[in-house]
Protein backbone atom coordinates (compact mmCIF):
# COMPACT_ATOMS: atom_id res chain seq x y z
CA MET A 1 2.40 -120.28 -7.30
CA ASN A 2 5.24 -119.40 -4.91
CA ARG A 3 2.82 -117.50 -2.68
CA LYS A 4 0.50 -120.52 -2.46
CA ILE A 5 3.43 -122.75 -1.51
CA SER A 6 4.56 -120.23 1.12
CA SER A 7 1.07 -120.03 2.63
CA LEU A 8 0.72 -123.81 2.80
CA PHE A 9 4.22 -124.05 4.29
CA PHE A 10 3.42 -121.61 7.11
CA ALA A 11 0.08 -123.30 7.81
CA PHE A 12 1.78 -126.70 8.04
CA LEU A 13 4.56 -125.24 10.20
CA PHE A 14 2.01 -123.79 12.63
CA VAL A 15 0.15 -127.08 12.95
CA PHE A 16 3.17 -129.37 13.19
CA ILE A 17 5.34 -127.39 15.61
CA SER A 18 2.42 -126.18 17.73
CA SER A 19 1.11 -129.74 18.07
CA LEU A 20 4.48 -130.90 19.38
CA ALA A 21 4.81 -127.89 21.66
CA SER A 22 1.30 -128.34 23.01
CA ALA A 23 1.91 -132.04 23.61
CA GLN A 24 5.11 -131.27 25.54
CA HIS A 25 3.46 -128.37 27.39
CA GLU A 26 2.10 -129.20 30.84
CA SER A 27 -0.29 -126.47 31.88
CA GLU A 28 0.74 -124.74 35.10
CA GLY A 29 -2.92 -123.99 35.63
CA GLU A 30 -3.67 -127.71 35.85
CA LYS A 31 -0.94 -128.10 38.48
CA SER A 32 -2.38 -125.26 40.52
CA ALA A 33 -5.89 -126.63 40.25
CA GLU A 34 -4.77 -129.96 41.66
CA LYS A 35 -3.33 -128.27 44.74
CA VAL A 36 -6.41 -126.18 45.50
CA GLU A 37 -8.72 -127.86 48.02
CA ASN A 38 -12.07 -126.68 49.28
CA LYS A 39 -11.75 -126.85 53.06
CA GLU A 40 -15.31 -125.75 53.76
CA ALA A 41 -17.08 -128.58 51.94
CA LYS A 42 -15.66 -131.54 50.15
CA ASP A 43 -18.17 -131.42 47.31
CA GLY A 44 -18.58 -127.62 47.25
CA PHE A 45 -18.10 -125.42 44.24
CA ASN A 46 -14.46 -124.54 43.64
CA ALA A 47 -14.15 -121.58 41.25
CA THR A 48 -10.38 -121.91 40.89
CA THR A 49 -10.58 -125.54 39.81
CA MET A 50 -13.42 -124.83 37.39
CA ILE A 51 -11.60 -121.90 35.76
CA MET A 52 -8.29 -123.73 35.47
CA GLU A 53 -9.98 -126.75 33.90
CA HIS A 54 -11.67 -124.53 31.30
CA ILE A 55 -8.58 -122.54 30.30
CA GLY A 56 -6.18 -125.50 30.48
CA ASP A 57 -5.51 -128.22 27.93
CA SER A 58 -6.64 -131.82 28.36
CA ASN A 59 -6.58 -135.22 26.68
CA GLU A 60 -10.38 -135.32 26.40
CA TRP A 61 -13.00 -132.82 25.27
CA HIS A 62 -15.34 -132.35 28.22
CA LEU A 63 -18.92 -131.49 27.23
CA TRP A 64 -20.98 -131.42 30.42
CA THR A 65 -21.43 -133.00 33.85
CA THR A 66 -24.64 -134.48 35.23
CA LYS A 67 -25.62 -135.76 38.68
CA ASP A 68 -27.87 -138.71 39.44
CA ASP A 69 -30.29 -139.03 42.36
CA SER A 70 -27.50 -140.16 44.68
CA GLY A 71 -25.44 -137.05 43.90
CA GLU A 72 -22.79 -138.93 41.95
CA GLU A 73 -21.30 -136.95 39.06
CA HIS A 74 -21.20 -138.31 35.52
CA HIS A 75 -18.90 -136.57 33.05
CA VAL A 76 -19.76 -136.59 29.34
CA SER A 77 -16.65 -136.17 27.19
CA ILE A 78 -15.44 -136.83 23.66
CA PRO A 79 -12.36 -139.08 23.69
CA LEU A 80 -9.22 -137.97 21.88
CA PRO A 81 -6.30 -140.06 20.56
CA VAL A 82 -3.55 -140.73 23.09
CA ILE A 83 -0.08 -141.26 21.62
CA ILE A 84 2.68 -142.09 24.10
CA LYS A 85 6.32 -143.06 23.64
CA ASP A 86 8.21 -144.59 26.58
CA ASN A 87 11.03 -147.07 27.10
CA GLU A 88 8.62 -149.93 26.32
CA GLY A 89 7.70 -148.51 22.89
CA TRP A 90 4.68 -146.74 21.46
CA HIS A 91 1.19 -146.78 23.00
CA THR A 92 -1.83 -145.58 21.03
CA PHE A 93 -5.43 -145.67 22.27
CA LEU A 94 -8.40 -143.38 22.92
CA SER A 95 -8.59 -141.37 26.13
CA SER A 96 -11.88 -143.15 26.96
CA SER A 97 -9.78 -146.23 27.75
CA ILE A 98 -8.16 -144.46 30.70
CA ALA A 99 -11.00 -142.12 31.78
CA HIS A 100 -12.90 -142.35 35.09
CA GLY A 101 -10.06 -144.12 36.89
CA HIS A 102 -9.49 -146.83 34.28
CA GLU A 103 -5.94 -147.93 33.48
CA HIS A 104 -4.49 -148.99 30.15
CA ASP A 105 -0.87 -149.91 29.38
CA GLY A 106 0.22 -148.31 32.65
CA TYR A 107 -1.51 -144.94 32.11
CA THR A 108 -4.64 -143.20 33.36
CA LEU A 109 -6.32 -139.78 33.29
CA GLU A 110 -6.14 -137.35 36.20
CA HIS A 111 -7.87 -133.97 35.82
CA GLY A 112 -7.90 -134.55 32.05
CA GLN A 113 -4.13 -135.16 31.85
CA VAL A 114 -2.37 -138.43 31.02
CA VAL A 115 -0.28 -139.71 33.94
CA SER A 116 1.68 -142.89 34.49
CA THR A 117 0.44 -145.37 37.10
CA LYS A 118 4.02 -146.63 37.42
CA GLY A 119 5.40 -143.35 38.70
CA VAL A 120 7.09 -142.38 35.42
CA GLU A 121 7.27 -138.62 34.85
CA LYS A 122 5.98 -136.89 31.74
CA ALA A 123 8.77 -135.40 29.65
CA THR A 124 8.89 -131.61 29.38
CA LEU A 125 10.97 -129.72 26.86
CA PHE A 126 12.95 -127.55 29.26
CA SER A 127 13.61 -130.40 31.70
CA ILE A 128 15.07 -132.53 28.90
CA ILE A 129 17.23 -129.66 27.62
CA SER A 130 18.48 -128.73 31.10
CA GLY A 131 19.27 -132.35 31.94
CA LYS A 132 16.80 -132.64 34.82
CA GLN A 133 15.10 -135.50 32.98
CA LYS A 134 16.66 -138.35 31.05
CA SER A 135 14.93 -139.43 27.86
CA ASN A 136 14.95 -143.10 28.85
CA GLU A 137 13.32 -142.44 32.23
CA VAL A 138 10.28 -140.44 31.12
CA PHE A 139 7.34 -140.82 28.76
CA PHE A 140 6.64 -138.49 25.84
CA ASP A 141 3.02 -137.45 25.45
CA LEU A 142 2.40 -136.71 21.76
CA SER A 143 -1.37 -137.03 22.05
CA VAL A 144 -3.94 -135.04 20.13
CA THR A 145 -5.17 -132.82 22.96
CA LYS A 146 -8.18 -130.51 22.99
CA ASN A 147 -6.05 -127.57 21.87
CA ALA A 148 -4.44 -129.60 19.09
CA ALA A 149 -7.85 -130.77 17.85
CA SER A 150 -9.10 -127.17 17.93
CA MET A 151 -6.06 -126.07 15.95
CA PHE A 152 -6.66 -128.69 13.27
CA LEU A 153 -10.27 -127.52 13.07
CA SER A 154 -9.28 -123.88 12.61
CA VAL A 155 -6.67 -124.69 9.97
CA LEU A 156 -9.22 -126.82 8.10
CA PHE A 157 -11.68 -123.93 8.26
CA MET A 158 -9.03 -121.51 6.94
CA ALA A 159 -8.11 -123.89 4.12
CA VAL A 160 -11.72 -124.28 3.01
CA VAL A 161 -12.34 -120.53 3.08
CA PHE A 162 -9.18 -119.38 1.32
CA ILE A 163 -9.00 -122.20 -1.23
CA GLY A 164 -12.60 -121.36 -2.12
CA MET A 165 -11.67 -117.69 -2.47
CA ALA A 166 -8.73 -118.59 -4.73
CA ARG A 167 -10.99 -120.64 -7.00
CA ASN A 168 -13.49 -117.80 -7.26
CA TYR A 169 -10.75 -115.34 -8.19
CA LYS A 170 -9.69 -117.61 -11.06
CA LYS A 171 -13.17 -117.25 -12.53
CA SER A 172 -13.72 -113.57 -11.73
CA GLN A 173 -11.80 -110.72 -10.12
CA LEU A 174 -14.93 -109.73 -8.21
CA PRO A 175 -15.09 -111.35 -4.75
CA LYS A 176 -18.01 -113.63 -3.98
CA GLY A 177 -19.52 -115.00 -0.79
CA ILE A 178 -17.19 -114.74 2.21
CA GLY A 179 -14.57 -113.22 -0.08
CA ARG A 180 -16.51 -109.94 0.05
CA PHE A 181 -15.75 -109.79 3.77
CA MET A 182 -12.21 -111.19 3.65
CA GLU A 183 -10.86 -109.06 0.79
CA PRO A 184 -11.05 -105.72 2.67
CA VAL A 185 -9.26 -107.34 5.63
CA ILE A 186 -6.50 -108.72 3.38
CA VAL A 187 -6.10 -105.35 1.65
CA PHE A 188 -5.97 -103.67 5.06
CA ILE A 189 -3.14 -105.96 6.22
CA ARG A 190 -1.27 -105.24 2.99
CA ASP A 191 -1.75 -101.46 2.88
CA GLU A 192 -1.77 -100.59 6.59
CA VAL A 193 0.52 -103.24 8.08
CA ALA A 194 2.94 -104.78 5.58
CA ILE A 195 3.79 -101.85 3.29
CA PRO A 196 4.23 -99.15 6.00
CA ASN A 197 6.44 -101.39 8.18
CA ILE A 198 8.37 -103.47 5.63
CA GLY A 199 8.33 -101.20 2.59
CA SER A 200 6.70 -101.27 -0.83
CA VAL A 201 9.66 -103.16 -2.35
CA LYS A 202 10.03 -106.15 -0.01
CA TYR A 203 6.62 -106.61 1.58
CA LYS A 204 5.29 -109.22 -0.89
CA ARG A 205 7.54 -112.05 0.26
CA TYR A 206 6.27 -111.67 3.83
CA MET A 207 2.57 -111.33 3.09
CA PRO A 208 1.85 -115.11 3.27
CA TYR A 209 3.24 -115.24 6.81
CA LEU A 210 1.56 -112.05 8.01
CA LEU A 211 -1.84 -113.10 6.62
CA THR A 212 -1.50 -116.62 8.02
CA ALA A 213 -0.54 -115.31 11.46
CA PHE A 214 -3.35 -112.74 11.52
CA PHE A 215 -6.17 -115.07 10.48
CA PHE A 216 -4.82 -117.97 12.55
CA ILE A 217 -4.87 -115.86 15.73
CA TRP A 218 -8.13 -114.06 14.94
CA ILE A 219 -10.11 -117.17 14.01
CA ASN A 220 -8.87 -119.14 17.02
CA ASN A 221 -9.64 -116.21 19.31
CA LEU A 222 -13.22 -116.18 17.99
CA PHE A 223 -13.55 -119.97 18.20
CA GLY A 224 -12.42 -119.80 21.83
CA LEU A 225 -15.33 -117.51 22.70
CA ILE A 226 -17.98 -119.96 21.44
CA PRO A 227 -18.95 -121.96 24.54
CA PHE A 228 -19.96 -125.27 22.95
CA PHE A 229 -18.36 -128.16 21.05
CA PRO A 230 -16.36 -128.14 18.79
CA PHE A 231 -15.30 -124.69 19.96
CA GLY A 232 -14.40 -123.19 23.31
CA ALA A 233 -10.76 -124.30 23.46
CA ASN A 234 -8.31 -121.76 24.89
CA LEU A 235 -5.81 -122.25 22.04
CA THR A 236 -4.26 -118.78 21.83
CA GLY A 237 -4.26 -118.69 25.63
CA ASN A 238 -1.83 -121.64 25.63
CA ILE A 239 1.70 -120.33 26.05
CA ALA A 240 3.10 -123.19 23.94
CA ILE A 241 1.10 -121.95 20.94
CA THR A 242 2.02 -118.30 21.39
CA ALA A 243 5.66 -119.30 21.90
CA VAL A 244 5.73 -121.11 18.54
CA LEU A 245 4.22 -118.10 16.79
CA ALA A 246 6.79 -115.79 18.38
CA ILE A 247 9.68 -118.15 17.52
CA ILE A 248 8.60 -118.25 13.87
CA THR A 249 8.59 -114.43 13.81
CA LEU A 250 12.06 -114.45 15.38
CA LEU A 251 13.44 -116.93 12.83
CA ILE A 252 12.00 -115.00 9.88
CA THR A 253 13.46 -111.79 11.29
CA LEU A 254 16.94 -113.25 11.84
CA PHE A 255 17.16 -115.04 8.49
CA SER A 256 15.88 -111.96 6.65
CA ALA A 257 18.19 -109.52 8.42
CA ASN A 258 20.69 -107.65 6.24
CA LYS A 259 24.14 -106.30 7.05
CA ASP A 260 22.73 -102.95 8.24
CA TYR A 261 20.71 -104.76 10.90
CA TRP A 262 23.66 -106.76 12.20
CA LYS A 263 25.89 -103.69 12.03
CA HIS A 264 23.43 -101.85 14.26
CA ILE A 265 23.50 -104.79 16.71
CA PHE A 266 27.27 -105.25 16.95
CA MET A 267 28.39 -101.75 15.95
CA PRO A 268 25.71 -99.41 17.30
CA PRO A 269 25.96 -95.68 16.51
CA VAL A 270 27.41 -94.73 19.90
CA PRO A 271 30.94 -93.96 21.14
CA ILE A 272 33.10 -97.07 21.12
CA LEU A 273 33.53 -96.88 24.89
CA LEU A 274 29.83 -97.67 25.25
CA TYR A 275 30.04 -100.85 23.16
CA PRO A 276 30.49 -103.17 26.20
CA ILE A 277 27.14 -101.86 27.46
CA MET A 278 25.18 -101.35 24.25
CA VAL A 279 26.10 -104.54 22.37
CA PRO A 280 24.79 -106.89 25.11
CA ILE A 281 21.64 -104.77 25.38
CA GLU A 282 21.08 -105.00 21.61
CA ILE A 283 21.61 -108.78 21.66
CA ILE A 284 19.17 -109.17 24.55
CA GLY A 285 16.71 -107.01 22.61
CA ILE A 286 16.68 -109.58 19.81
CA PHE A 287 15.03 -112.08 22.16
CA THR A 288 12.94 -109.75 24.31
CA LYS A 289 10.89 -108.69 21.27
CA PRO A 290 9.49 -112.18 20.49
CA PHE A 291 9.15 -112.81 24.23
CA ALA A 292 6.90 -109.76 24.46
CA LEU A 293 4.91 -111.06 21.47
CA MET A 294 4.43 -114.40 23.20
CA MET A 295 3.44 -113.02 26.61
CA ARG A 296 1.14 -110.26 25.29
CA LEU A 297 -1.04 -112.64 23.28
CA PHE A 298 -1.03 -115.34 25.97
CA ALA A 299 -1.84 -112.98 28.86
CA ASN A 300 -4.57 -110.96 27.13
CA VAL A 301 -6.49 -113.95 25.79
CA THR A 302 -6.20 -115.92 29.03
CA ALA A 303 -7.25 -112.91 31.11
CA GLY A 304 -10.42 -112.52 29.04
CA HIS A 305 -11.44 -116.14 29.59
CA ILE A 306 -10.71 -115.89 33.33
CA MET A 307 -12.77 -112.70 33.68
CA ILE A 308 -15.84 -114.22 32.05
CA LEU A 309 -15.64 -117.44 34.06
CA ALA A 310 -14.94 -115.60 37.32
CA ILE A 311 -17.97 -113.32 36.86
CA VAL A 312 -20.27 -116.29 36.18
CA SER A 313 -18.77 -118.16 39.14
CA LEU A 314 -20.07 -115.49 41.53
CA ILE A 315 -23.55 -117.02 41.17
CA PHE A 316 -22.33 -120.37 42.50
CA ILE A 317 -19.96 -118.94 45.09
CA PHE A 318 -22.70 -116.91 46.82
CA LYS A 319 -25.31 -119.58 46.01
CA THR A 320 -28.03 -117.17 44.96
CA PRO A 321 -29.68 -116.86 41.56
CA LEU A 322 -30.39 -113.18 42.26
CA LEU A 323 -26.76 -112.41 41.57
CA GLY A 324 -27.38 -113.58 38.01
CA PHE A 325 -29.17 -110.31 37.25
CA ALA A 326 -25.81 -108.57 37.69
CA SER A 327 -23.21 -111.20 36.73
CA VAL A 328 -24.85 -112.47 33.54
CA PRO A 329 -25.18 -109.02 31.86
CA LEU A 330 -21.64 -108.18 33.00
CA ALA A 331 -20.30 -111.46 31.61
CA LEU A 332 -22.18 -110.77 28.37
CA PHE A 333 -20.61 -107.30 28.18
CA VAL A 334 -17.12 -108.74 28.71
CA SER A 335 -17.82 -111.38 26.05
CA VAL A 336 -18.77 -108.68 23.54
CA LEU A 337 -15.64 -106.79 24.52
CA GLU A 338 -13.63 -109.95 23.88
CA LEU A 339 -14.85 -109.91 20.27
CA LEU A 340 -12.95 -106.65 19.86
CA VAL A 341 -9.95 -107.99 21.75
CA ALA A 342 -9.89 -111.08 19.48
CA ALA A 343 -9.30 -108.91 16.41
CA LEU A 344 -7.12 -106.40 18.26
CA GLN A 345 -4.66 -109.02 19.53
CA ALA A 346 -4.36 -110.57 16.06
CA TYR A 347 -3.72 -107.10 14.63
CA ILE A 348 -1.11 -106.19 17.28
CA PHE A 349 0.78 -109.46 16.79
CA THR A 350 0.80 -108.96 13.00
CA VAL A 351 1.83 -105.30 13.21
CA LEU A 352 4.71 -106.00 15.60
CA SER A 353 5.87 -108.96 13.50
CA ALA A 354 5.87 -106.74 10.41
CA LEU A 355 7.70 -104.03 12.35
CA PHE A 356 10.43 -106.40 13.53
CA ILE A 357 10.85 -107.80 10.03
CA GLY A 358 10.89 -104.30 8.58
CA ILE A 359 13.67 -103.23 10.94
CA ALA A 360 15.69 -106.28 9.93
CA VAL A 361 15.38 -105.76 6.16
CA ALA A 362 15.61 -101.95 6.05
CA GLU A 363 18.57 -100.63 4.07
CA HIS A 364 19.22 -97.27 5.63
CA GLU A 365 21.89 -96.20 3.18
CA HIS A 366 19.63 -96.73 0.17
CA GLU A 367 16.28 -95.96 1.73
CA HIS A 368 15.58 -92.83 -0.31
CA GLY A 369 16.57 -94.56 -3.53
CA HIS A 370 14.07 -97.34 -2.89
CA GLU A 371 11.28 -94.88 -2.17
CA GLU A 372 11.94 -93.01 -5.43
CA HIS A 373 12.01 -96.29 -7.32
CA ALA A 374 8.68 -97.34 -5.76
CA HIS A 375 7.06 -94.06 -6.76
């Protein structure tokens, strides 16, 4: 029962905190795309803008774009809920109310992002903390964006799959349906990730988190490779999402750490004259580890999406369908390679999380005693 509660807690924590982080996160890619202008032709194909729009977050789910006989573009999108808090109160409406240049309650959509028509800036987390923005002079965008909607979809999918597996196990110990595929993966995470890195004594309490993190990253990586609705969102390529995952790993590590861990940080096994150098390095190391977790997942997933889109864009840049004979097979090869990367990045994140937790909970003085007890 405690394991079920822990799993539900981590799933809820992922959704809640990541939704807030994603809402506060303003994609730098969107900013860059706005600045890029095609000087050769006003209506020409701009690969940079196209790629940034696909890998960035937005307040609507764009499906496709059509052109009429006059050459005017018509964008087909699924509206998403817009939730805004400013000094006038709360504003809730669908993004269709402010799409295509329309204005509602002083807001409109530009490049898929909610902006104020009154010149009010969107609040960002770091600007508020640093004091560059005052809370009464900005608006807080807590909308359900494309990434947030994709995250809810993946969590719902995970809940259906694993709750169904749990019900089947109550009836029989033999896995059925998708459980036949999932059980070897779960056993692999337990035997090859959790136990070797955390130990056979303490690994059980961390299994809910490790399994949740692994399947959350893996499933969203796979969903991001499917190029049609309701998939295709670059969720794990959003640095706000990867930051939340890394912060949760950091918090679990710090709150699980024992006295041996803290002794190694503040009293490292070096001559005391080296303490002024080693102690700051050890303290910095506490934060560089989750930072590396965050950047590795974000960079690898985003790079894969950019590669595929850039290869396909060559057809439109050179304006010849003959290039498709080379770019399409190459893009297909990279897409297949991304299937491997999707699982590999989930595995690496889980292994490193287990390793950091294992370092924090290891009792060096009693290590041999624990191993004998486990045997």
